[in-house]
Amino acid sequence: MHSDPAEVKKSVRSYITVFVMLMVFTVITVAAASAHLAVPLAITIALIIATMKGSMVAGVFMHLSHEKQLIYGALLLTAAFFFMLLFLPVLAYMDRVKY
């Protein structure tokens, strides 16, 4: 299965595509840093570029694009814990002892 020439060619093509995209995003990062943008805009652009680069690396090089069910399960669990942590201060505030 992994030694199928068509499959190997497809994998190599995706690795090369991601490599080229990472180089393009690196050039965009350097250009954005050289532009001396306002701090909020620079941080926003940097986070968008980092998210794109990170998702490409995780999806292709770490083979996470083939693990969709596991990814959605982890995302759902993360969202559940996030909302639980958001409401902990509310619950703590409601639990005050009144004098």
PDB file of N, CA and C in Angstrom:
ATOM      1  N   MET A   1       0.828  -1.183   0.000  1.00  0.00           N
ATOM      2  CA  MET A   1       0.000   0.000   0.000  1.00  0.00           C
ATOM      3  C   MET A   1       0.879   1.257   0.000  1.00  0.00           C
ATOM      4  N   HIS A   2       1.883   1.308   0.897  1.00  0.00           N
ATOM      5  CA  HIS A   2       2.744   2.487   0.961  1.00  0.00           C
ATOM      6  C   HIS A   2       3.793   2.471  -0.148  1.00  0.00           C
ATOM      7  N   SER A   3       4.023   1.301  -0.752  1.00  0.00           N
ATOM      8  CA  SER A   3       5.033   1.214  -1.797  1.00  0.00           C
ATOM      9  C   SER A   3       4.438   1.402  -3.191  1.00  0.00           C
ATOM     10  N   ASP A   4       3.154   1.696  -3.260  1.00  0.00           N
ATOM     11  CA  ASP A   4       2.509   1.944  -4.538  1.00  0.00           C
ATOM     12  C   ASP A   4       3.099   3.221  -5.143  1.00  0.00           C
ATOM     13  N   PRO A   5       3.639   3.145  -6.355  1.00  0.00           N
ATOM     14  CA  PRO A   5       4.288   4.327  -6.954  1.00  0.00           C
ATOM     15  C   PRO A   5       3.369   5.551  -7.056  1.00  0.00           C
ATOM     16  N   ALA A   6       2.107   5.338  -7.352  1.00  0.00           N
ATOM     17  CA  ALA A   6       1.182   6.478  -7.456  1.00  0.00           C
ATOM     18  C   ALA A   6       0.982   7.140  -6.096  1.00  0.00           C
ATOM     19  N   GLU A   7       0.915   6.308  -5.051  1.00  0.00           N
ATOM     20  CA  GLU A   7       0.745   6.845  -3.693  1.00  0.00           C
ATOM     21  C   GLU A   7       1.988   7.620  -3.248  1.00  0.00           C
ATOM     22  N   VAL A   8       3.157   7.085  -3.573  1.00  0.00           N
ATOM     23  CA  VAL A   8       4.413   7.764  -3.224  1.00  0.00           C
ATOM     24  C   VAL A   8       4.510   9.087  -3.965  1.00  0.00           C
ATOM     25  N   LYS A   9       4.152   9.081  -5.240  1.00  0.00           N
ATOM     26  CA  LYS A   9       4.193  10.309  -6.040  1.00  0.00           C
ATOM     27  C   LYS A   9       3.246  11.360  -5.471  1.00  0.00           C
ATOM     28  N   LYS A  10       2.061  10.922  -5.036  1.00  0.00           N
ATOM     29  CA  LYS A  10       1.089  11.837  -4.435  1.00  0.00           C
ATOM     30  C   LYS A  10       1.623  12.424  -3.130  1.00  0.00           C
ATOM     31  N   SER A  11       2.264  11.594  -2.307  1.00  0.00           N
ATOM     32  CA  SER A  11       2.831  12.069  -1.041  1.00  0.00           C
ATOM     33  C   SER A  11       3.952  13.070  -1.277  1.00  0.00           C
ATOM     34  N   VAL A  12       4.835  12.751  -2.220  1.00  0.00           N
ATOM     35  CA  VAL A  12       5.946  13.657  -2.530  1.00  0.00           C
ATOM     36  C   VAL A  12       5.408  14.987  -3.045  1.00  0.00           C
ATOM     37  N   ARG A  13       4.371  14.925  -3.883  1.00  0.00           N
ATOM     38  CA  ARG A  13       3.779  16.159  -4.411  1.00  0.00           C
ATOM     39  C   ARG A  13       3.201  17.017  -3.282  1.00  0.00           C
ATOM     40  N   SER A  14       2.538  16.377  -2.310  1.00  0.00           N
ATOM     41  CA  SER A  14       1.971  17.156  -1.203  1.00  0.00           C
ATOM     42  C   SER A  14       3.072  17.724  -0.320  1.00  0.00           C
ATOM     43  N   TYR A  15       4.163  16.983  -0.108  1.00  0.00           N
ATOM     44  CA  TYR A  15       5.283  17.505   0.684  1.00  0.00           C
ATOM     45  C   TYR A  15       5.923  18.710  -0.007  1.00  0.00           C
ATOM     46  N   ILE A  16       6.096  18.622  -1.299  1.00  0.00           N
ATOM     47  CA  ILE A  16       6.699  19.733  -2.035  1.00  0.00           C
ATOM     48  C   ILE A  16       5.771  20.946  -2.017  1.00  0.00           C
ATOM     49  N   THR A  17       4.481  20.719  -2.175  1.00  0.00           N
ATOM     50  CA  THR A  17       3.508  21.822  -2.138  1.00  0.00           C
ATOM     51  C   THR A  17       3.540  22.526  -0.789  1.00  0.00           C
ATOM     52  N   VAL A  18       3.564  21.754   0.295  1.00  0.00           N
ATOM     53  CA  VAL A  18       3.608  22.355   1.625  1.00  0.00           C
ATOM     54  C   VAL A  18       4.923  23.097   1.831  1.00  0.00           C
ATOM     55  N   PHE A  19       6.022  22.536   1.351  1.00  0.00           N
ATOM     56  CA  PHE A  19       7.312  23.218   1.475  1.00  0.00           C
ATOM     57  C   PHE A  19       7.280  24.570   0.761  1.00  0.00           C
ATOM     58  N   VAL A  20       6.744  24.588  -0.454  1.00  0.00           N
ATOM     59  CA  VAL A  20       6.669  25.849  -1.209  1.00  0.00           C
ATOM     60  C   VAL A  20       5.767  26.847  -0.485  1.00  0.00           C
ATOM     61  N   MET A  21       4.630  26.377   0.039  1.00  0.00           N
ATOM     62  CA  MET A  21       3.730  27.275   0.773  1.00  0.00           C
ATOM     63  C   MET A  21       4.386  27.806   2.047  1.00  0.00           C
ATOM     64  N   LEU A  22       5.160  26.980   2.738  1.00  0.00           N
ATOM     65  CA  LEU A  22       5.871  27.454   3.929  1.00  0.00           C
ATOM     66  C   LEU A  22       6.884  28.527   3.565  1.00  0.00           C
ATOM     67  N   MET A  23       7.555  28.369   2.426  1.00  0.00           N
ATOM     68  CA  MET A  23       8.507  29.391   1.983  1.00  0.00           C
ATOM     69  C   MET A  23       7.777  30.685   1.621  1.00  0.00           C
ATOM     70  N   VAL A  24       6.609  30.570   0.974  1.00  0.00           N
ATOM     71  CA  VAL A  24       5.822  31.761   0.623  1.00  0.00           C
ATOM     72  C   VAL A  24       5.387  32.483   1.893  1.00  0.00           C
ATOM     73  N   PHE A  25       4.894  31.738   2.890  1.00  0.00           N
ATOM     74  CA  PHE A  25       4.472  32.369   4.133  1.00  0.00           C
ATOM     75  C   PHE A  25       5.659  32.964   4.893  1.00  0.00           C
ATOM     76  N   THR A  26       6.836  32.368   4.756  1.00  0.00           N
ATOM     77  CA  THR A  26       8.030  32.941   5.386  1.00  0.00           C
ATOM     78  C   THR A  26       8.377  34.276   4.740  1.00  0.00           C
ATOM     79  N   VAL A  27       8.280  34.343   3.425  1.00  0.00           N
ATOM     80  CA  VAL A  27       8.535  35.618   2.726  1.00  0.00           C
ATOM     81  C   VAL A  27       7.499  36.656   3.149  1.00  0.00           C
ATOM     82  N   ILE A  28       6.241  36.250   3.273  1.00  0.00           N
ATOM     83  CA  ILE A  28       5.193  37.177   3.716  1.00  0.00           C
ATOM     84  C   ILE A  28       5.471  37.646   5.142  1.00  0.00           C
ATOM     85  N   THR A  29       5.950  36.742   6.002  1.00  0.00           N
ATOM     86  CA  THR A  29       6.285  37.121   7.375  1.00  0.00           C
ATOM     87  C   THR A  29       7.398  38.161   7.404  1.00  0.00           C
ATOM     88  N   VAL A  30       8.432  37.951   6.614  1.00  0.00           N
ATOM     89  CA  VAL A  30       9.544  38.915   6.564  1.00  0.00           C
ATOM     90  C   VAL A  30       9.067  40.252   6.005  1.00  0.00           C
ATOM     91  N   ALA A  31       8.228  40.215   4.980  1.00  0.00           N
ATOM     92  CA  ALA A  31       7.699  41.457   4.404  1.00  0.00           C
ATOM     93  C   ALA A  31       6.830  42.199   5.404  1.00  0.00           C
ATOM     94  N   ALA A  32       6.023  41.460   6.157  1.00  0.00           N
ATOM     95  CA  ALA A  32       5.157  42.104   7.157  1.00  0.00           C
ATOM     96  C   ALA A  32       5.992  42.704   8.281  1.00  0.00           C
ATOM     97  N   ALA A  33       7.067  42.026   8.666  1.00  0.00           N
ATOM     98  CA  ALA A  33       7.934  42.569   9.718  1.00  0.00           C
ATOM     99  C   ALA A  33       8.678  43.810   9.233  1.00  0.00           C
ATOM    100  N   SER A  34       9.008  43.852   7.957  1.00  0.00           N
ATOM    101  CA  SER A  34       9.720  45.004   7.398  1.00  0.00           C
ATOM    102  C   SER A  34       8.807  46.199   7.162  1.00  0.00           C
ATOM    103  N   ALA A  35       7.502  45.959   7.141  1.00  0.00           N
ATOM    104  CA  ALA A  35       6.547  47.033   6.828  1.00  0.00           C
ATOM    105  C   ALA A  35       6.286  47.957   8.006  1.00  0.00           C
ATOM    106  N   HIS A  36       6.724  47.590   9.197  1.00  0.00           N
ATOM    107  CA  HIS A  36       6.520  48.402  10.400  1.00  0.00           C
ATOM    108  C   HIS A  36       5.044  48.780  10.567  1.00  0.00           C
ATOM    109  N   LEU A  37       4.209  47.769  10.638  1.00  0.00           N
ATOM    110  CA  LEU A  37       2.772  47.975  10.800  1.00  0.00           C
ATOM    111  C   LEU A  37       2.444  48.329  12.244  1.00  0.00           C
ATOM    112  N   ALA A  38       1.230  48.788  12.471  1.00  0.00           N
ATOM    113  CA  ALA A  38       0.770  49.047  13.832  1.00  0.00           C
ATOM    114  C   ALA A  38       0.761  47.724  14.596  1.00  0.00           C
ATOM    115  N   VAL A  39       1.005  47.783  15.879  1.00  0.00           N
ATOM    116  CA  VAL A  39       1.169  46.572  16.685  1.00  0.00           C
ATOM    117  C   VAL A  39      -0.045  45.640  16.605  1.00  0.00           C
ATOM    118  N   PRO A  40      -1.285  46.119  16.771  1.00  0.00           N
ATOM    119  CA  PRO A  40      -2.413  45.173  16.680  1.00  0.00           C
ATOM    120  C   PRO A  40      -2.506  44.484  15.310  1.00  0.00           C
ATOM    121  N   LEU A  41      -2.269  45.228  14.244  1.00  0.00           N
ATOM    122  CA  LEU A  41      -2.318  44.651  12.903  1.00  0.00           C
ATOM    123  C   LEU A  41      -1.163  43.669  12.700  1.00  0.00           C
ATOM    124  N   ALA A  42       0.015  44.014  13.185  1.00  0.00           N
ATOM    125  CA  ALA A  42       1.173  43.124  13.047  1.00  0.00           C
ATOM    126  C   ALA A  42       0.954  41.822  13.806  1.00  0.00           C
ATOM    127  N   ILE A  43       0.382  41.909  14.995  1.00  0.00           N
ATOM    128  CA  ILE A  43       0.109  40.696  15.779  1.00  0.00           C
ATOM    129  C   ILE A  43      -0.950  39.850  15.077  1.00  0.00           C
ATOM    130  N   THR A  44      -1.976  40.482  14.544  1.00  0.00           N
ATOM    131  CA  THR A  44      -3.023  39.744  13.835  1.00  0.00           C
ATOM    132  C   THR A  44      -2.457  39.017  12.623  1.00  0.00           C
ATOM    133  N   ILE A  45      -1.651  39.707  11.837  1.00  0.00           N
ATOM    134  CA  ILE A  45      -1.048  39.087  10.655  1.00  0.00           C
ATOM    135  C   ILE A  45      -0.116  37.950  11.067  1.00  0.00           C
ATOM    136  N   ALA A  46       0.683  38.172  12.102  1.00  0.00           N
ATOM    137  CA  ALA A  46       1.605  37.134  12.562  1.00  0.00           C
ATOM    138  C   ALA A  46       0.857  35.893  13.038  1.00  0.00           C
ATOM    139  N   LEU A  47      -0.247  36.081  13.752  1.00  0.00           N
ATOM    140  CA  LEU A  47      -1.027  34.937  14.227  1.00  0.00           C
ATOM    141  C   LEU A  47      -1.697  34.183  13.083  1.00  0.00           C
ATOM    142  N   ILE A  48      -2.182  34.909  12.094  1.00  0.00           N
ATOM    143  CA  ILE A  48      -2.795  34.255  10.938  1.00  0.00           C
ATOM    144  C   ILE A  48      -1.757  33.429  10.183  1.00  0.00           C
ATOM    145  N   ILE A  49      -0.592  34.007   9.953  1.00  0.00           N
ATOM    146  CA  ILE A  49       0.468  33.292   9.242  1.00  0.00           C
ATOM    147  C   ILE A  49       0.929  32.084  10.047  1.00  0.00           C
ATOM    148  N   ALA A  50       1.111  32.245  11.350  1.00  0.00           N
ATOM    149  CA  ALA A  50       1.545  31.121  12.187  1.00  0.00           C
ATOM    150  C   ALA A  50       0.503  30.011  12.213  1.00  0.00           C
ATOM    151  N   THR A  51      -0.773  30.374  12.231  1.00  0.00           N
ATOM    152  CA  THR A  51      -1.832  29.371  12.209  1.00  0.00           C
ATOM    153  C   THR A  51      -1.823  28.604  10.890  1.00  0.00           C
ATOM    154  N   MET A  52      -1.674  29.310   9.798  1.00  0.00           N
ATOM    155  CA  MET A  52      -1.631  28.654   8.490  1.00  0.00           C
ATOM    156  C   MET A  52      -0.426  27.715   8.390  1.00  0.00           C
ATOM    157  N   LYS A  53       0.752  28.196   8.793  1.00  0.00           N
ATOM    158  CA  LYS A  53       1.948  27.363   8.713  1.00  0.00           C
ATOM    159  C   LYS A  53       1.849  26.156   9.642  1.00  0.00           C
ATOM    160  N   GLY A  54       1.360  26.366  10.837  1.00  0.00           N
ATOM    161  CA  GLY A  54       1.231  25.275  11.789  1.00  0.00           C
ATOM    162  C   GLY A  54       0.235  24.224  11.338  1.00  0.00           C
ATOM    163  N   SER A  55      -0.876  24.670  10.767  1.00  0.00           N
ATOM    164  CA  SER A  55      -1.872  23.700  10.311  1.00  0.00           C
ATOM    165  C   SER A  55      -1.368  22.910   9.112  1.00  0.00           C
ATOM    166  N   MET A  56      -0.590  23.533   8.244  1.00  0.00           N
ATOM    167  CA  MET A  56      -0.008  22.791   7.124  1.00  0.00           C
ATOM    168  C   MET A  56       0.978  21.739   7.607  1.00  0.00           C
ATOM    169  N   VAL A  57       1.835  22.121   8.532  1.00  0.00           N
ATOM    170  CA  VAL A  57       2.817  21.175   9.060  1.00  0.00           C
ATOM    171  C   VAL A  57       2.116  20.034   9.782  1.00  0.00           C
ATOM    172  N   ALA A  58       1.149  20.355  10.627  1.00  0.00           N
ATOM    173  CA  ALA A  58       0.438  19.310  11.381  1.00  0.00           C
ATOM    174  C   ALA A  58      -0.366  18.411  10.444  1.00  0.00           C
ATOM    175  N   GLY A  59      -1.004  18.982   9.458  1.00  0.00           N
ATOM    176  CA  GLY A  59      -1.846  18.199   8.570  1.00  0.00           C
ATOM    177  C   GLY A  59      -1.082  17.276   7.656  1.00  0.00           C
ATOM    178  N   VAL A  60       0.034  17.748   7.103  1.00  0.00           N
ATOM    179  CA  VAL A  60       0.756  16.951   6.117  1.00  0.00           C
ATOM    180  C   VAL A  60       1.923  16.193   6.732  1.00  0.00           C
ATOM    181  N   PHE A  61       2.832  16.895   7.404  1.00  0.00           N
ATOM    182  CA  PHE A  61       4.028  16.236   7.905  1.00  0.00           C
ATOM    183  C   PHE A  61       3.747  15.350   9.119  1.00  0.00           C
ATOM    184  N   MET A  62       2.751  15.701   9.914  1.00  0.00           N
ATOM    185  CA  MET A  62       2.400  14.881  11.072  1.00  0.00           C
ATOM    186  C   MET A  62       1.226  13.952  10.754  1.00  0.00           C
ATOM    187  N   HIS A  63       0.768  13.947   9.503  1.00  0.00           N
ATOM    188  CA  HIS A  63      -0.273  13.050   9.003  1.00  0.00           C
ATOM    189  C   HIS A  63      -1.590  13.183   9.769  1.00  0.00           C
ATOM    190  N   LEU A  64      -1.891  14.373  10.265  1.00  0.00           N
ATOM    191  CA  LEU A  64      -3.146  14.573  10.984  1.00  0.00           C
ATOM    192  C   LEU A  64      -4.333  14.769  10.054  1.00  0.00           C
ATOM    193  N   SER A  65      -4.083  15.010   8.786  1.00  0.00           N
ATOM    194  CA  SER A  65      -5.196  15.178   7.854  1.00  0.00           C
ATOM    195  C   SER A  65      -5.935  13.861   7.627  1.00  0.00           C
ATOM    196  N   HIS A  66      -5.315  12.753   7.986  1.00  0.00           N
ATOM    197  CA  HIS A  66      -5.965  11.444   7.846  1.00  0.00           C
ATOM    198  C   HIS A  66      -6.687  11.026   9.116  1.00  0.00           C
ATOM    199  N   GLU A  67      -6.608  11.811  10.167  1.00  0.00           N
ATOM    200  CA  GLU A  67      -7.186  11.456  11.465  1.00  0.00           C
ATOM    201  C   GLU A  67      -8.371  12.356  11.801  1.00  0.00           C
ATOM    202  N   LYS A  68      -9.284  12.540  10.888  1.00  0.00           N
ATOM    203  CA  LYS A  68     -10.367  13.506  11.060  1.00  0.00           C
ATOM    204  C   LYS A  68     -11.247  13.215  12.278  1.00  0.00           C
ATOM    205  N   GLN A  69     -11.625  11.958  12.496  1.00  0.00           N
ATOM    206  CA  GLN A  69     -12.505  11.635  13.621  1.00  0.00           C
ATOM    207  C   GLN A  69     -11.814  11.924  14.946  1.00  0.00           C
ATOM    208  N   LEU A  70     -10.548  11.585  15.061  1.00  0.00           N
ATOM    209  CA  LEU A  70      -9.790  11.847  16.283  1.00  0.00           C
ATOM    210  C   LEU A  70      -9.632  13.352  16.511  1.00  0.00           C
ATOM    211  N   ILE A  71      -9.408  14.095  15.446  1.00  0.00           N
ATOM    212  CA  ILE A  71      -9.246  15.544  15.554  1.00  0.00           C
ATOM    213  C   ILE A  71     -10.540  16.188  16.038  1.00  0.00           C
ATOM    214  N   TYR A  72     -11.672  15.782  15.456  1.00  0.00           N
ATOM    215  CA  TYR A  72     -12.939  16.365  15.869  1.00  0.00           C
ATOM    216  C   TYR A  72     -13.278  16.000  17.310  1.00  0.00           C
ATOM    217  N   GLY A  73     -12.926  14.801  17.733  1.00  0.00           N
ATOM    218  CA  GLY A  73     -13.139  14.405  19.124  1.00  0.00           C
ATOM    219  C   GLY A  73     -12.310  15.247  20.076  1.00  0.00           C
ATOM    220  N   ALA A  74     -11.041  15.473  19.730  1.00  0.00           N
ATOM    221  CA  ALA A  74     -10.181  16.306  20.563  1.00  0.00           C
ATOM    222  C   ALA A  74     -10.671  17.750  20.579  1.00  0.00           C
ATOM    223  N   LEU A  75     -11.157  18.231  19.448  1.00  0.00           N
ATOM    224  CA  LEU A  75     -11.682  19.597  19.376  1.00  0.00           C
ATOM    225  C   LEU A  75     -12.932  19.745  20.235  1.00  0.00           C
ATOM    226  N   LEU A  76     -13.805  18.758  20.180  1.00  0.00           N
ATOM    227  CA  LEU A  76     -15.019  18.788  20.996  1.00  0.00           C
ATOM    228  C   LEU A  76     -14.683  18.752  22.484  1.00  0.00           C
ATOM    229  N   LEU A  77     -13.739  17.908  22.861  1.00  0.00           N
ATOM    230  CA  LEU A  77     -13.313  17.834  24.257  1.00  0.00           C
ATOM    231  C   LEU A  77     -12.677  19.149  24.710  1.00  0.00           C
ATOM    232  N   THR A  78     -11.872  19.745  23.855  1.00  0.00           N
ATOM    233  CA  THR A  78     -11.249  21.031  24.178  1.00  0.00           C
ATOM    234  C   THR A  78     -12.303  22.118  24.361  1.00  0.00           C
ATOM    235  N   ALA A  79     -13.292  22.152  23.480  1.00  0.00           N
ATOM    236  CA  ALA A  79     -14.364  23.153  23.595  1.00  0.00           C
ATOM    237  C   ALA A  79     -15.156  22.949  24.885  1.00  0.00           C
ATOM    238  N   ALA A  80     -15.422  21.701  25.243  1.00  0.00           N
ATOM    239  CA  ALA A  80     -16.164  21.433  26.480  1.00  0.00           C
ATOM    240  C   ALA A  80     -15.388  21.927  27.697  1.00  0.00           C
ATOM    241  N   PHE A  81     -14.097  21.631  27.754  1.00  0.00           N
ATOM    242  CA  PHE A  81     -13.285  22.109  28.880  1.00  0.00           C
ATOM    243  C   PHE A  81     -13.159  23.632  28.876  1.00  0.00           C
ATOM    244  N   PHE A  82     -13.082  24.228  27.689  1.00  0.00           N
ATOM    245  CA  PHE A  82     -12.986  25.682  27.593  1.00  0.00           C
ATOM    246  C   PHE A  82     -14.222  26.348  28.198  1.00  0.00           C
ATOM    247  N   PHE A  83     -15.410  25.871  27.811  1.00  0.00           N
ATOM    248  CA  PHE A  83     -16.626  26.460  28.354  1.00  0.00           C
ATOM    249  C   PHE A  83     -16.772  26.178  29.843  1.00  0.00           C
ATOM    250  N   MET A  84     -16.316  25.022  30.278  1.00  0.00           N
ATOM    251  CA  MET A  84     -16.358  24.713  31.706  1.00  0.00           C
ATOM    252  C   MET A  84     -15.460  25.683  32.490  1.00  0.00           C
ATOM    253  N   LEU A  85     -14.286  25.958  31.941  1.00  0.00           N
ATOM    254  CA  LEU A  85     -13.387  26.900  32.610  1.00  0.00           C
ATOM    255  C   LEU A  85     -13.922  28.327  32.571  1.00  0.00           C
ATOM    256  N   LEU A  86     -14.665  28.662  31.518  1.00  0.00           N
ATOM    257  CA  LEU A  86     -15.265  29.989  31.455  1.00  0.00           C
ATOM    258  C   LEU A  86     -16.299  30.200  32.550  1.00  0.00           C
ATOM    259  N   PHE A  87     -17.053  29.155  32.887  1.00  0.00           N
ATOM    260  CA  PHE A  87     -18.127  29.289  33.850  1.00  0.00           C
ATOM    261  C   PHE A  87     -17.697  29.029  35.285  1.00  0.00           C
ATOM    262  N   LEU A  88     -16.465  28.589  35.520  1.00  0.00           N
ATOM    263  CA  LEU A  88     -16.004  28.394  36.894  1.00  0.00           C
ATOM    264  C   LEU A  88     -16.014  29.686  37.707  1.00  0.00           C
ATOM    265  N   PRO A  89     -15.554  30.820  37.180  1.00  0.00           N
ATOM    266  CA  PRO A  89     -15.644  32.051  37.968  1.00  0.00           C
ATOM    267  C   PRO A  89     -17.083  32.455  38.286  1.00  0.00           C
ATOM    268  N   VAL A  90     -18.006  32.203  37.359  1.00  0.00           N
ATOM    269  CA  VAL A  90     -19.410  32.527  37.605  1.00  0.00           C
ATOM    270  C   VAL A  90     -19.936  31.679  38.758  1.00  0.00           C
ATOM    271  N   LEU A  91     -19.615  30.389  38.732  1.00  0.00           N
ATOM    272  CA  LEU A  91     -20.062  29.517  39.810  1.00  0.00           C
ATOM    273  C   LEU A  91     -19.426  29.901  41.141  1.00  0.00           C
ATOM    274  N   ALA A  92     -18.172  30.293  41.114  1.00  0.00           N
ATOM    275  CA  ALA A  92     -17.500  30.703  42.345  1.00  0.00           C
ATOM    276  C   ALA A  92     -18.113  31.996  42.886  1.00  0.00           C
ATOM    277  N   TYR A  93     -18.483  32.903  41.997  1.00  0.00           N
ATOM    278  CA  TYR A  93     -19.100  34.154  42.426  1.00  0.00           C
ATOM    279  C   TYR A  93     -20.475  33.895  43.034  1.00  0.00           C
ATOM    280  N   MET A  94     -21.226  32.980  42.466  1.00  0.00           N
ATOM    281  CA  MET A  94     -22.560  32.669  42.973  1.00  0.00           C
ATOM    282  C   MET A  94     -22.503  31.914  44.309  1.00  0.00           C
ATOM    283  N   ASP A  95     -21.387  31.346  44.635  1.00  0.00           N
ATOM    284  CA  ASP A  95     -21.245  30.535  45.837  1.00  0.00           C
ATOM    285  C   ASP A  95     -20.715  31.349  47.027  1.00  0.00           C
ATOM    286  N   ARG A  96     -20.770  32.671  46.939  1.00  0.00           N
ATOM    287  CA  ARG A  96     -20.257  33.508  48.018  1.00  0.00           C
ATOM    288  C   ARG A  96     -21.085  33.354  49.268  1.00  0.00           C
ATOM    289  N   VAL A  97     -20.410  33.497  50.381  1.00  0.00           N
ATOM    290  CA  VAL A  97     -21.117  33.490  51.683  1.00  0.00           C
ATOM    291  C   VAL A  97     -21.554  34.934  51.925  1.00  0.00           C
ATOM    292  N   LYS A  98     -22.847  35.105  52.180  1.00  0.00           N
ATOM    293  CA  LYS A  98     -23.375  36.453  52.415  1.00  0.00           C
ATOM    294  C   LYS A  98     -23.425  36.727  53.898  1.00  0.00           C
ATOM    295  N   TYR A  99     -22.957  37.866  54.304  1.00  0.00           N
ATOM    296  CA  TYR A  99     -22.940  38.258  55.723  1.00  0.00           C
ATOM    297  C   TYR A  99     -24.063  39.216  56.021  1.00  0.00           C
TER     298      TYR A  99
END
